Each structure stands twice: as C-alpha cells, then as structure tokens.
PDB file of N, CA and C in Angstrom:
ATOM      1  N   UNK A   1     -56.631   8.701  -6.483  1.00  0.00           N
ATOM      2  CA  UNK A   1     -55.959   8.793  -4.837  1.00  0.00           C
ATOM      3  C   UNK A   1     -54.414   8.618  -5.115  1.00  0.00           C
ATOM      4  N   UNK A   2     -53.802   7.755  -5.696  1.00  0.00           N
ATOM      5  CA  UNK A   2     -52.458   7.442  -5.766  1.00  0.00           C
ATOM      6  C   UNK A   2     -51.784   8.774  -6.576  1.00  0.00           C
ATOM      7  N   UNK A   3     -52.180   9.394  -7.472  1.00  0.00           N
ATOM      8  CA  UNK A   3     -51.850  10.693  -8.136  1.00  0.00           C
ATOM      9  C   UNK A   3     -51.862  11.633  -7.135  1.00  0.00           C
ATOM     10  N   UNK A   4     -52.659  11.876  -6.268  1.00  0.00           N
ATOM     11  CA  UNK A   4     -52.628  12.871  -5.298  1.00  0.00           C
ATOM     12  C   UNK A   4     -51.290  12.939  -4.416  1.00  0.00           C
ATOM     13  N   UNK A   5     -51.281  11.430  -4.067  1.00  0.00           N
ATOM     14  CA  UNK A   5     -50.146  11.201  -3.246  1.00  0.00           C
ATOM     15  C   UNK A   5     -48.848  11.458  -3.850  1.00  0.00           C
ATOM     16  N   UNK A   6     -48.802  10.999  -4.984  1.00  0.00           N
ATOM     17  CA  UNK A   6     -47.514  11.456  -5.725  1.00  0.00           C
ATOM     18  C   UNK A   6     -46.949  13.039  -6.003  1.00  0.00           C
ATOM     19  N   UNK A   7     -48.354  13.906  -5.956  1.00  0.00           N
ATOM     20  CA  UNK A   7     -47.846  15.122  -5.955  1.00  0.00           C
ATOM     21  C   UNK A   7     -47.352  15.587  -4.835  1.00  0.00           C
ATOM     22  N   UNK A   8     -47.792  15.185  -3.669  1.00  0.00           N
ATOM     23  CA  UNK A   8     -47.435  15.690  -2.477  1.00  0.00           C
ATOM     24  C   UNK A   8     -46.082  15.125  -1.953  1.00  0.00           C
ATOM     25  N   UNK A   9     -45.383  14.283  -2.815  1.00  0.00           N
ATOM     26  CA  UNK A   9     -44.252  13.806  -2.307  1.00  0.00           C
ATOM     27  C   UNK A   9     -43.145  14.903  -2.878  1.00  0.00           C
ATOM     28  N   UNK A  10     -42.108  15.074  -2.187  1.00  0.00           N
ATOM     29  CA  UNK A  10     -41.169  15.983  -2.515  1.00  0.00           C
ATOM     30  C   UNK A  10     -39.867  15.178  -3.278  1.00  0.00           C
ATOM     31  N   UNK A  11     -39.686  15.922  -4.257  1.00  0.00           N
ATOM     32  CA  UNK A  11     -38.685  15.433  -5.077  1.00  0.00           C
ATOM     33  C   UNK A  11     -37.179  15.782  -4.315  1.00  0.00           C
ATOM     34  N   UNK A  12     -36.472  14.666  -4.499  1.00  0.00           N
ATOM     35  CA  UNK A  12     -35.183  15.003  -3.839  1.00  0.00           C
ATOM     36  C   UNK A  12     -33.803  15.446  -4.863  1.00  0.00           C
ATOM     37  N   UNK A  13     -32.995  15.992  -4.387  1.00  0.00           N
ATOM     38  CA  UNK A  13     -31.863  16.422  -5.385  1.00  0.00           C
ATOM     39  C   UNK A  13     -31.064  15.429  -5.568  1.00  0.00           C
ATOM     40  N   UNK A  14     -30.521  15.256  -6.777  1.00  0.00           N
ATOM     41  CA  UNK A  14     -29.504  14.143  -7.237  1.00  0.00           C
ATOM     42  C   UNK A  14     -28.430  14.386  -6.088  1.00  0.00           C
ATOM     43  N   UNK A  15     -27.907  13.140  -5.607  1.00  0.00           N
ATOM     44  CA  UNK A  15     -26.606  13.411  -4.668  1.00  0.00           C
ATOM     45  C   UNK A  15     -25.519  13.486  -5.612  1.00  0.00           C
ATOM     46  N   UNK A  16     -24.594  14.632  -4.947  1.00  0.00           N
ATOM     47  CA  UNK A  16     -23.747  14.688  -5.858  1.00  0.00           C
ATOM     48  C   UNK A  16     -22.446  13.681  -5.611  1.00  0.00           C
ATOM     49  N   UNK A  17     -22.135  13.400  -6.843  1.00  0.00           N
ATOM     50  CA  UNK A  17     -21.013  12.111  -6.814  1.00  0.00           C
ATOM     51  C   UNK A  17     -19.683  12.665  -6.348  1.00  0.00           C
ATOM     52  N   UNK A  18     -19.166  11.464  -5.237  1.00  0.00           N
ATOM     53  CA  UNK A  18     -18.238  11.628  -4.741  1.00  0.00           C
ATOM     54  C   UNK A  18     -16.886  11.491  -5.432  1.00  0.00           C
ATOM     55  N   UNK A  19     -15.960  12.375  -5.864  1.00  0.00           N
ATOM     56  CA  UNK A  19     -14.920  11.977  -6.497  1.00  0.00           C
ATOM     57  C   UNK A  19     -13.661  11.152  -5.737  1.00  0.00           C
ATOM     58  N   UNK A  20     -13.258   9.998  -6.112  1.00  0.00           N
ATOM     59  CA  UNK A  20     -12.179   9.181  -5.332  1.00  0.00           C
ATOM     60  C   UNK A  20     -10.913  10.216  -5.521  1.00  0.00           C
ATOM     61  N   UNK A  21     -10.327  10.388  -4.456  1.00  0.00           N
ATOM     62  CA  UNK A  21      -9.122  10.954  -4.541  1.00  0.00           C
ATOM     63  C   UNK A  21      -8.029  10.146  -4.615  1.00  0.00           C
ATOM     64  N   UNK A  22      -6.940  10.375  -5.511  1.00  0.00           N
ATOM     65  CA  UNK A  22      -5.962   9.363  -5.235  1.00  0.00           C
ATOM     66  C   UNK A  22      -4.671   9.363  -4.495  1.00  0.00           C
ATOM     67  N   UNK A  23      -4.752   8.149  -3.954  1.00  0.00           N
ATOM     68  CA  UNK A  23      -4.002   8.099  -2.816  1.00  0.00           C
ATOM     69  C   UNK A  23      -2.227   8.145  -2.888  1.00  0.00           C
ATOM     70  N   UNK A  24      -1.726   8.675  -2.105  1.00  0.00           N
ATOM     71  CA  UNK A  24      -0.162   9.090  -2.359  1.00  0.00           C
ATOM     72  C   UNK A  24       0.541   7.732  -2.217  1.00  0.00           C
ATOM     73  N   UNK A  25       1.436   7.751  -2.940  1.00  0.00           N
ATOM     74  CA  UNK A  25       1.989   6.454  -3.667  1.00  0.00           C
ATOM     75  C   UNK A  25       2.860   5.863  -2.143  1.00  0.00           C
ATOM     76  N   UNK A  26       3.303   6.895  -1.350  1.00  0.00           N
ATOM     77  CA  UNK A  26       4.014   6.431  -0.067  1.00  0.00           C
ATOM     78  C   UNK A  26       3.132   5.442   0.876  1.00  0.00           C
ATOM     79  N   UNK A  27       1.695   5.714   0.428  1.00  0.00           N
ATOM     80  CA  UNK A  27       0.717   4.910   1.426  1.00  0.00           C
ATOM     81  C   UNK A  27       1.176   3.476   1.033  1.00  0.00           C
ATOM     82  N   UNK A  28       1.102   3.131  -0.384  1.00  0.00           N
ATOM     83  CA  UNK A  28       1.174   1.966  -1.029  1.00  0.00           C
ATOM     84  C   UNK A  28       2.510   1.419  -0.521  1.00  0.00           C
ATOM     85  N   UNK A  29       3.843   2.232  -0.508  1.00  0.00           N
ATOM     86  CA  UNK A  29       5.097   1.674  -0.050  1.00  0.00           C
ATOM     87  C   UNK A  29       5.199   1.326   1.310  1.00  0.00           C
ATOM     88  N   UNK A  30       4.165   2.091   1.944  1.00  0.00           N
ATOM     89  CA  UNK A  30       4.258   1.661   3.447  1.00  0.00           C
ATOM     90  C   UNK A  30       3.602   0.452   3.754  1.00  0.00           C
ATOM     91  N   UNK A  31       2.326   0.131   3.041  1.00  0.00           N
ATOM     92  CA  UNK A  31       1.706  -1.198   3.193  1.00  0.00           C
ATOM     93  C   UNK A  31       2.549  -2.137   2.757  1.00  0.00           C
ATOM     94  N   UNK A  32       3.334  -2.133   1.615  1.00  0.00           N
ATOM     95  CA  UNK A  32       4.020  -3.369   1.097  1.00  0.00           C
ATOM     96  C   UNK A  32       5.075  -3.673   2.205  1.00  0.00           C
ATOM     97  N   UNK A  33       5.534  -2.439   2.883  1.00  0.00           N
ATOM     98  CA  UNK A  33       6.623  -2.976   3.743  1.00  0.00           C
ATOM     99  C   UNK A  33       6.248  -3.433   5.391  1.00  0.00           C
ATOM    100  N   UNK A  34       5.025  -3.189   5.523  1.00  0.00           N
ATOM    101  CA  UNK A  34       4.532  -3.301   6.962  1.00  0.00           C
ATOM    102  C   UNK A  34       3.763  -4.486   7.146  1.00  0.00           C
ATOM    103  N   UNK A  35       3.785  -5.049   8.381  1.00  0.00           N
ATOM    104  CA  UNK A  35       3.065  -6.331   8.919  1.00  0.00           C
ATOM    105  C   UNK A  35       1.548  -5.900   8.636  1.00  0.00           C
ATOM    106  N   UNK A  36       0.914  -7.124   8.518  1.00  0.00           N
ATOM    107  CA  UNK A  36      -0.608  -7.024   8.240  1.00  0.00           C
ATOM    108  C   UNK A  36      -1.225  -6.672   9.518  1.00  0.00           C
ATOM    109  N   UNK A  37      -0.827  -6.661  10.626  1.00  0.00           N
ATOM    110  CA  UNK A  37      -1.329  -6.257  11.846  1.00  0.00           C
ATOM    111  C   UNK A  37      -1.208  -4.636  11.989  1.00  0.00           C
ATOM    112  N   UNK A  38      -0.517  -3.963  11.187  1.00  0.00           N
ATOM    113  CA  UNK A  38      -0.284  -2.227  10.909  1.00  0.00           C
ATOM    114  C   UNK A  38      -1.428  -1.692  10.025  1.00  0.00           C
ATOM    115  N   UNK A  39      -1.809  -2.545   9.163  1.00  0.00           N
ATOM    116  CA  UNK A  39      -2.561  -2.018   7.864  1.00  0.00           C
ATOM    117  C   UNK A  39      -3.708  -1.167   8.273  1.00  0.00           C
ATOM    118  N   UNK A  40      -4.520  -1.507   9.633  1.00  0.00           N
ATOM    119  CA  UNK A  40      -5.493  -0.620   9.962  1.00  0.00           C
ATOM    120  C   UNK A  40      -5.123   0.809  10.190  1.00  0.00           C
ATOM    121  N   UNK A  41      -3.644   0.678  11.231  1.00  0.00           N
ATOM    122  CA  UNK A  41      -3.542   2.221  11.585  1.00  0.00           C
ATOM    123  C   UNK A  41      -2.952   3.056  10.386  1.00  0.00           C
ATOM    124  N   UNK A  42      -2.177   2.436   9.380  1.00  0.00           N
ATOM    125  CA  UNK A  42      -1.979   3.018   8.254  1.00  0.00           C
ATOM    126  C   UNK A  42      -2.922   3.696   7.460  1.00  0.00           C
ATOM    127  N   UNK A  43      -3.970   2.851   7.085  1.00  0.00           N
ATOM    128  CA  UNK A  43      -5.361   3.186   6.660  1.00  0.00           C
ATOM    129  C   UNK A  43      -5.897   4.409   7.207  1.00  0.00           C
ATOM    130  N   UNK A  44      -5.898   4.158   8.427  1.00  0.00           N
ATOM    131  CA  UNK A  44      -6.495   5.441   9.354  1.00  0.00           C
ATOM    132  C   UNK A  44      -5.759   6.834   9.078  1.00  0.00           C
ATOM    133  N   UNK A  45      -4.386   6.477   9.110  1.00  0.00           N
ATOM    134  CA  UNK A  45      -3.471   7.709   9.158  1.00  0.00           C
ATOM    135  C   UNK A  45      -3.818   8.510   7.632  1.00  0.00           C
ATOM    136  N   UNK A  46      -3.987   7.614   6.567  1.00  0.00           N
ATOM    137  CA  UNK A  46      -4.179   8.131   5.222  1.00  0.00           C
ATOM    138  C   UNK A  46      -5.711   8.438   5.035  1.00  0.00           C
ATOM    139  N   UNK A  47      -6.519   8.127   5.925  1.00  0.00           N
ATOM    140  CA  UNK A  47      -7.922   8.419   5.557  1.00  0.00           C
ATOM    141  C   UNK A  47      -8.568   7.473   4.672  1.00  0.00           C
ATOM    142  N   UNK A  48      -8.024   6.253   4.413  1.00  0.00           N
ATOM    143  CA  UNK A  48      -8.454   5.078   3.737  1.00  0.00           C
ATOM    144  C   UNK A  48      -9.642   4.349   4.400  1.00  0.00           C
ATOM    145  N   UNK A  49     -10.771   4.502   3.921  1.00  0.00           N
ATOM    146  CA  UNK A  49     -11.940   3.590   4.632  1.00  0.00           C
ATOM    147  C   UNK A  49     -12.349   2.182   3.959  1.00  0.00           C
ATOM    148  N   UNK A  50     -12.154   1.895   2.612  1.00  0.00           N
ATOM    149  CA  UNK A  50     -12.410   0.865   1.802  1.00  0.00           C
ATOM    150  C   UNK A  50     -11.203  -0.195   1.909  1.00  0.00           C
ATOM    151  N   UNK A  51     -11.460  -1.071   3.208  1.00  0.00           N
ATOM    152  CA  UNK A  51     -10.456  -1.821   3.390  1.00  0.00           C
ATOM    153  C   UNK A  51     -10.493  -2.981   2.473  1.00  0.00           C
ATOM    154  N   UNK A  52     -11.604  -3.576   2.143  1.00  0.00           N
ATOM    155  CA  UNK A  52     -11.372  -4.680   1.135  1.00  0.00           C
ATOM    156  C   UNK A  52     -10.741  -4.336  -0.188  1.00  0.00           C
ATOM    157  N   UNK A  53     -11.247  -2.875  -0.631  1.00  0.00           N
ATOM    158  CA  UNK A  53     -10.702  -2.366  -1.830  1.00  0.00           C
ATOM    159  C   UNK A  53      -9.174  -2.272  -1.850  1.00  0.00           C
ATOM    160  N   UNK A  54      -8.632  -1.674  -0.669  1.00  0.00           N
ATOM    161  CA  UNK A  54      -7.423  -1.523  -0.575  1.00  0.00           C
ATOM    162  C   UNK A  54      -6.608  -2.691  -0.532  1.00  0.00           C
ATOM    163  N   UNK A  55      -7.105  -3.882   0.140  1.00  0.00           N
ATOM    164  CA  UNK A  55      -6.195  -5.176   0.165  1.00  0.00           C
ATOM    165  C   UNK A  55      -6.218  -5.631  -1.786  1.00  0.00           C
ATOM    166  N   UNK A  56      -7.237  -5.242  -2.085  1.00  0.00           N
ATOM    167  CA  UNK A  56      -7.363  -5.922  -3.472  1.00  0.00           C
ATOM    168  C   UNK A  56      -6.184  -5.125  -4.428  1.00  0.00           C
ATOM    169  N   UNK A  57      -6.340  -3.871  -4.126  1.00  0.00           N
ATOM    170  CA  UNK A  57      -5.232  -3.106  -5.022  1.00  0.00           C
ATOM    171  C   UNK A  57      -3.862  -3.247  -4.230  1.00  0.00           C
ATOM    172  N   UNK A  58      -3.737  -3.501  -3.154  1.00  0.00           N
ATOM    173  CA  UNK A  58      -2.465  -3.806  -2.601  1.00  0.00           C
ATOM    174  C   UNK A  58      -1.793  -4.992  -3.376  1.00  0.00           C
ATOM    175  N   UNK A  59      -2.676  -6.203  -3.397  1.00  0.00           N
ATOM    176  CA  UNK A  59      -2.207  -7.274  -3.705  1.00  0.00           C
ATOM    177  C   UNK A  59      -1.573  -7.202  -5.353  1.00  0.00           C
ATOM    178  N   UNK A  60      -2.366  -6.562  -6.063  1.00  0.00           N
ATOM    179  CA  UNK A  60      -2.047  -6.169  -7.455  1.00  0.00           C
ATOM    180  C   UNK A  60      -0.588  -5.193  -7.458  1.00  0.00           C
ATOM    181  N   UNK A  61      -0.202  -4.331  -6.421  1.00  0.00           N
ATOM    182  CA  UNK A  61       0.692  -3.734  -6.412  1.00  0.00           C
ATOM    183  C   UNK A  61       2.068  -4.533  -6.321  1.00  0.00           C
ATOM    184  N   UNK A  62       1.672  -5.588  -5.166  1.00  0.00           N
ATOM    185  CA  UNK A  62       2.778  -6.390  -4.795  1.00  0.00           C
ATOM    186  C   UNK A  62       3.093  -7.314  -6.072  1.00  0.00           C
ATOM    187  N   UNK A  63       2.076  -7.848  -6.943  1.00  0.00           N
ATOM    188  CA  UNK A  63       2.648  -8.658  -7.962  1.00  0.00           C
ATOM    189  C   UNK A  63       3.398  -7.907  -9.066  1.00  0.00           C
ATOM    190  N   UNK A  64       2.745  -6.568  -9.199  1.00  0.00           N
ATOM    191  CA  UNK A  64       3.779  -5.502 -10.121  1.00  0.00           C
ATOM    192  C   UNK A  64       4.980  -5.514  -9.691  1.00  0.00           C
ATOM    193  N   UNK A  65       5.329  -5.315  -8.267  1.00  0.00           N
ATOM    194  CA  UNK A  65       6.846  -5.058  -7.895  1.00  0.00           C
ATOM    195  C   UNK A  65       7.185  -6.366  -8.050  1.00  0.00           C
ATOM    196  N   UNK A  66       6.788  -7.551  -7.853  1.00  0.00           N
ATOM    197  CA  UNK A  66       7.322  -8.850  -8.168  1.00  0.00           C
ATOM    198  C   UNK A  66       8.084  -8.689  -9.130  1.00  0.00           C
ATOM    199  N   UNK A  67       6.909  -8.570 -10.282  1.00  0.00           N
ATOM    200  CA  UNK A  67       7.504  -8.702 -11.809  1.00  0.00           C
ATOM    201  C   UNK A  67       8.532  -7.431 -12.218  1.00  0.00           C
ATOM    202  N   UNK A  68       8.474  -6.451 -11.636  1.00  0.00           N
ATOM    203  CA  UNK A  68       9.727  -5.487 -11.565  1.00  0.00           C
ATOM    204  C   UNK A  68      10.971  -6.179 -10.825  1.00  0.00           C
ATOM    205  N   UNK A  69      10.884  -6.658  -9.690  1.00  0.00           N
ATOM    206  CA  UNK A  69      12.128  -7.193  -9.401  1.00  0.00           C
ATOM    207  C   UNK A  69      12.582  -8.423 -10.049  1.00  0.00           C
ATOM    208  N   UNK A  70      11.666  -9.211 -10.661  1.00  0.00           N
ATOM    209  CA  UNK A  70      12.129 -10.348 -11.432  1.00  0.00           C
ATOM    210  C   UNK A  70      12.983  -9.981 -12.471  1.00  0.00           C
ATOM    211  N   UNK A  71      12.785  -9.017 -13.115  1.00  0.00           N
ATOM    212  CA  UNK A  71      13.813  -8.575 -14.081  1.00  0.00           C
ATOM    213  C   UNK A  71      15.291  -8.174 -13.661  1.00  0.00           C
ATOM    214  N   UNK A  72      15.284  -8.084 -12.583  1.00  0.00           N
ATOM    215  CA  UNK A  72      16.739  -7.569 -11.939  1.00  0.00           C
ATOM    216  C   UNK A  72      17.290  -8.363 -11.121  1.00  0.00           C
ATOM    217  N   UNK A  73      16.462  -9.043 -10.011  1.00  0.00           N
ATOM    218  CA  UNK A  73      17.009 -10.169  -9.127  1.00  0.00           C
ATOM    219  C   UNK A  73      16.506 -11.553  -9.238  1.00  0.00           C
ATOM    220  N   UNK A  74      17.656 -12.096  -9.367  1.00  0.00           N
ATOM    221  CA  UNK A  74      17.461 -13.791  -9.420  1.00  0.00           C
ATOM    222  C   UNK A  74      16.907 -14.440  -8.614  1.00  0.00           C
ATOM    223  N   UNK A  75      17.447 -14.138  -7.153  1.00  0.00           N
ATOM    224  CA  UNK A  75      17.046 -14.696  -6.097  1.00  0.00           C
ATOM    225  C   UNK A  75      17.230 -14.082  -4.876  1.00  0.00           C
ATOM    226  N   UNK A  76      15.914 -13.662  -3.898  1.00  0.00           N
ATOM    227  CA  UNK A  76      15.778 -13.111  -2.662  1.00  0.00           C
ATOM    228  C   UNK A  76      15.726 -14.074  -1.484  1.00  0.00           C
ATOM    229  N   UNK A  77      16.509 -14.240  -0.591  1.00  0.00           N
ATOM    230  CA  UNK A  77      16.306 -15.299   0.439  1.00  0.00           C
ATOM    231  C   UNK A  77      16.987 -14.680   1.738  1.00  0.00           C
ATOM    232  N   UNK A  78      17.001 -15.529   3.073  1.00  0.00           N
ATOM    233  CA  UNK A  78      16.978 -15.343   4.147  1.00  0.00           C
ATOM    234  C   UNK A  78      16.869 -13.533   4.724  1.00  0.00           C
ATOM    235  N   UNK A  79      15.741 -13.185   4.364  1.00  0.00           N
ATOM    236  CA  UNK A  79      15.213 -12.027   4.889  1.00  0.00           C
ATOM    237  C   UNK A  79      14.849 -11.935   6.425  1.00  0.00           C
ATOM    238  N   UNK A  80      15.617 -11.233   6.924  1.00  0.00           N
ATOM    239  CA  UNK A  80      15.132 -11.352   8.355  1.00  0.00           C
ATOM    240  C   UNK A  80      14.419  -9.719   8.604  1.00  0.00           C
ATOM    241  N   UNK A  81      13.895 -10.172   9.761  1.00  0.00           N
ATOM    242  CA  UNK A  81      12.995  -8.574  10.137  1.00  0.00           C
ATOM    243  C   UNK A  81      13.645  -7.659  10.553  1.00  0.00           C
ATOM    244  N   UNK A  82      13.362  -6.382  10.376  1.00  0.00           N
ATOM    245  CA  UNK A  82      14.260  -4.938  10.717  1.00  0.00           C
ATOM    246  C   UNK A  82      14.035  -4.771  12.265  1.00  0.00           C
ATOM    247  N   UNK A  83      15.461  -4.769  12.874  1.00  0.00           N
ATOM    248  CA  UNK A  83      15.314  -4.711  14.334  1.00  0.00           C
ATOM    249  C   UNK A  83      15.817  -3.338  14.572  1.00  0.00           C
ATOM    250  N   UNK A  84      15.226  -2.742  15.380  1.00  0.00           N
ATOM    251  CA  UNK A  84      15.641  -1.200  15.755  1.00  0.00           C
ATOM    252  C   UNK A  84      16.626  -1.158  16.841  1.00  0.00           C
ATOM    253  N   UNK A  85      17.815  -0.622  16.756  1.00  0.00           N
ATOM    254  CA  UNK A  85      18.919  -0.388  17.763  1.00  0.00           C
ATOM    255  C   UNK A  85      18.422   0.609  18.713  1.00  0.00           C
ATOM    256  N   UNK A  86      19.032   0.778  19.869  1.00  0.00           N
ATOM    257  CA  UNK A  86      19.126   1.622  20.949  1.00  0.00           C
ATOM    258  C   UNK A  86      19.518   3.123  20.341  1.00  0.00           C
ATOM    259  N   UNK A  87      20.339   3.063  19.509  1.00  0.00           N
ATOM    260  CA  UNK A  87      20.764   4.407  19.088  1.00  0.00           C
ATOM    261  C   UNK A  87      19.864   5.068  17.998  1.00  0.00           C
ATOM    262  N   UNK A  88      18.834   4.583  17.657  1.00  0.00           N
ATOM    263  CA  UNK A  88      17.671   4.921  16.876  1.00  0.00           C
ATOM    264  C   UNK A  88      17.908   4.481  15.244  1.00  0.00           C
ATOM    265  N   UNK A  89      19.126   3.671  14.998  1.00  0.00           N
ATOM    266  CA  UNK A  89      19.191   2.624  13.821  1.00  0.00           C
ATOM    267  C   UNK A  89      18.602   1.546  13.609  1.00  0.00           C
ATOM    268  N   UNK A  90      18.643   1.062  12.653  1.00  0.00           N
ATOM    269  CA  UNK A  90      17.841  -0.378  12.169  1.00  0.00           C
ATOM    270  C   UNK A  90      19.109  -1.151  11.586  1.00  0.00           C
ATOM    271  N   UNK A  91      18.735  -2.514  11.651  1.00  0.00           N
ATOM    272  CA  UNK A  91      19.224  -3.503  11.339  1.00  0.00           C
ATOM    273  C   UNK A  91      18.659  -4.446  10.488  1.00  0.00           C
ATOM    274  N   UNK A  92      18.976  -4.943   9.439  1.00  0.00           N
ATOM    275  CA  UNK A  92      18.344  -6.095   8.878  1.00  0.00           C
ATOM    276  C   UNK A  92      19.480  -6.949   8.022  1.00  0.00           C
ATOM    277  N   UNK A  93      19.059  -8.084   7.506  1.00  0.00           N
ATOM    278  CA  UNK A  93      19.821  -9.098   6.744  1.00  0.00           C
ATOM    279  C   UNK A  93      19.326  -9.593   5.404  1.00  0.00           C
ATOM    280  N   UNK A  94      19.971  -9.919   4.589  1.00  0.00           N
ATOM    281  CA  UNK A  94      19.275 -10.425   3.368  1.00  0.00           C
ATOM    282  C   UNK A  94      20.115 -10.969   2.284  1.00  0.00           C
ATOM    283  N   UNK A  95      19.900 -12.128   1.884  1.00  0.00           N
ATOM    284  CA  UNK A  95      20.621 -12.539   0.492  1.00  0.00           C
ATOM    285  C   UNK A  95      20.122 -12.285  -0.966  1.00  0.00           C
ATOM    286  N   UNK A  96      20.967 -11.684  -1.579  1.00  0.00           N
ATOM    287  CA  UNK A  96      20.340 -11.619  -3.057  1.00  0.00           C
ATOM    288  C   UNK A  96      21.347 -11.735  -4.051  1.00  0.00           C
ATOM    289  N   UNK A  97      20.748 -12.708  -5.138  1.00  0.00           N
ATOM    290  CA  UNK A  97      21.403 -13.196  -6.162  1.00  0.00           C
ATOM    291  C   UNK A  97      21.004 -12.078  -7.524  1.00  0.00           C
ATOM    292  N   UNK A  98      21.592 -11.295  -8.104  1.00  0.00           N
ATOM    293  CA  UNK A  98      21.306 -10.289  -9.413  1.00  0.00           C
ATOM    294  C   UNK A  98      21.472 -11.038 -10.691  1.00  0.00           C
ATOM    295  N   UNK A  99      20.789 -10.926 -11.529  1.00  0.00           N
ATOM    296  CA  UNK A  99      21.006 -11.604 -12.956  1.00  0.00           C
ATOM    297  C   UNK A  99      22.135 -10.486 -13.512  1.00  0.00           C
ATOM    298  N   UNK A 100      22.198  -9.346 -13.339  1.00  0.00           N
ATOM    299  CA  UNK A 100      23.570  -8.795 -13.760  1.00  0.00           C
ATOM    300  C   UNK A 100      24.274  -8.182 -12.625  1.00  0.00           C
ATOM    301  N   UNK A 101      25.467  -8.701 -12.173  1.00  0.00           N
ATOM    302  CA  UNK A 101      26.034  -8.368 -11.053  1.00  0.00           C
ATOM    303  C   UNK A 101      26.632  -7.005 -10.883  1.00  0.00           C
ATOM    304  N   UNK A 102      26.816  -6.135 -11.992  1.00  0.00           N
ATOM    305  CA  UNK A 102      27.160  -4.851 -12.229  1.00  0.00           C
ATOM    306  C   UNK A 102      25.852  -4.030 -11.717  1.00  0.00           C
ATOM    307  N   UNK A 103      24.797  -4.568 -11.483  1.00  0.00           N
ATOM    308  CA  UNK A 103      23.502  -3.590 -11.073  1.00  0.00           C
ATOM    309  C   UNK A 103      23.815  -2.992 -10.063  1.00  0.00           C
ATOM    310  N   UNK A 104      23.256  -1.817  -9.856  1.00  0.00           N
ATOM    311  CA  UNK A 104      23.129  -1.099  -8.694  1.00  0.00           C
ATOM    312  C   UNK A 104      21.941  -1.039  -7.944  1.00  0.00           C
ATOM    313  N   UNK A 105      21.938  -1.545  -6.658  1.00  0.00           N
ATOM    314  CA  UNK A 105      20.648  -1.486  -5.893  1.00  0.00           C
ATOM    315  C   UNK A 105      20.473  -0.462  -4.787  1.00  0.00           C
ATOM    316  N   UNK A 106      19.434   0.241  -4.590  1.00  0.00           N
ATOM    317  CA  UNK A 106      19.632   1.283  -3.785  1.00  0.00           C
ATOM    318  C   UNK A 106      18.389   0.864  -2.646  1.00  0.00           C
ATOM    319  N   UNK A 107      18.533   1.098  -1.454  1.00  0.00           N
ATOM    320  CA  UNK A 107      17.802   0.826  -0.324  1.00  0.00           C
ATOM    321  C   UNK A 107      17.198   2.492   0.021  1.00  0.00           C
ATOM    322  N   UNK A 108      15.913   2.468   0.069  1.00  0.00           N
ATOM    323  CA  UNK A 108      15.072   3.672   0.606  1.00  0.00           C
ATOM    324  C   UNK A 108      14.189   3.490   1.717  1.00  0.00           C
ATOM    325  N   UNK A 109      14.615   4.368   2.693  1.00  0.00           N
ATOM    326  CA  UNK A 109      13.703   4.542   4.113  1.00  0.00           C
ATOM    327  C   UNK A 109      12.620   5.536   4.020  1.00  0.00           C
ATOM    328  N   UNK A 110      11.520   4.781   3.970  1.00  0.00           N
ATOM    329  CA  UNK A 110      10.089   5.956   4.155  1.00  0.00           C
ATOM    330  C   UNK A 110       9.462   5.939   5.346  1.00  0.00           C
ATOM    331  N   UNK A 111       9.760   7.018   6.141  1.00  0.00           N
ATOM    332  CA  UNK A 111       9.290   7.172   7.470  1.00  0.00           C
ATOM    333  C   UNK A 111       9.981   6.191   8.448  1.00  0.00           C
ATOM    334  N   UNK A 112       8.959   5.431   9.066  1.00  0.00           N
ATOM    335  CA  UNK A 112       9.497   4.517  10.023  1.00  0.00           C
ATOM    336  C   UNK A 112       9.581   2.687   9.159  1.00  0.00           C
ATOM    337  N   UNK A 113       9.516   3.162   7.935  1.00  0.00           N
ATOM    338  CA  UNK A 113       9.454   1.531   7.063  1.00  0.00           C
ATOM    339  C   UNK A 113      10.584   1.705   6.281  1.00  0.00           C
ATOM    340  N   UNK A 114      11.141   0.754   6.218  1.00  0.00           N
ATOM    341  CA  UNK A 114      12.419   0.392   5.111  1.00  0.00           C
ATOM    342  C   UNK A 114      11.700  -0.265   3.966  1.00  0.00           C
ATOM    343  N   UNK A 115      12.245   0.077   2.764  1.00  0.00           N
ATOM    344  CA  UNK A 115      11.931  -0.395   1.364  1.00  0.00           C
ATOM    345  C   UNK A 115      13.314  -0.990   0.643  1.00  0.00           C
ATOM    346  N   UNK A 116      12.883  -1.793  -0.099  1.00  0.00           N
ATOM    347  CA  UNK A 116      13.717  -2.623  -1.005  1.00  0.00           C
ATOM    348  C   UNK A 116      13.549  -2.028  -2.268  1.00  0.00           C
TER     349      UNK A 116
END
C-alpha cells in the first residue's frame, strides 16, 4: 500500500535558485552616513529585505572605512550633526588632525546625505 501511495504523488520541479544581485555602492554610503532610524526607509528604496544581513555587512564596511581612514587621519573629533539651511545648503563642523598635513581631503555629497 505505501508503494501505491508514493506512485500517486506528483513530483515537484526543483525551485530555481535566486541569484543575489549586487547592491549599489551608493546604498552602503547612504547607510554609513544615515541615522539608524532611517535604515529601514533606505533599505526599502533599494529593495533590500534581509535587514539582519544588511546590518552585519554594514558593520564590516564601517570597520573597513575606519581602517582606511586611520592611514590618513590621526584624530577626528567635535563632529556636529548636519544642519540644513533655509536656502537649501547644509552646514556642519568637525575637527580633524592628519598624519600628513599636506594630504588633500575631499568631501562628497551623495543625494541628501553628506559623506566624508
């Protein structure tokens, strides 16, 4: 009787494997400069659903960035939040000591978030 039952069962086709698409680098730059409360909306914009995996990878990327900055920046302090002005501009303050005083530092603006 169990053999008859097995013959009557339909075989399922193997589910196609879903390929993970690479996430744009601007997504990670946005997250690194954003408040934690904005993570969910940024993930929604870019279609990221694995929130826990995103947090894990974000912490790895933050460590990598700190290592890169430690090669150039000796000290970074008095970083104040970015304030938006009425004319559409933004204002922020920071103090930075460089290992090599002749180094050039560039500030980039990505969408509505500023990056260092």
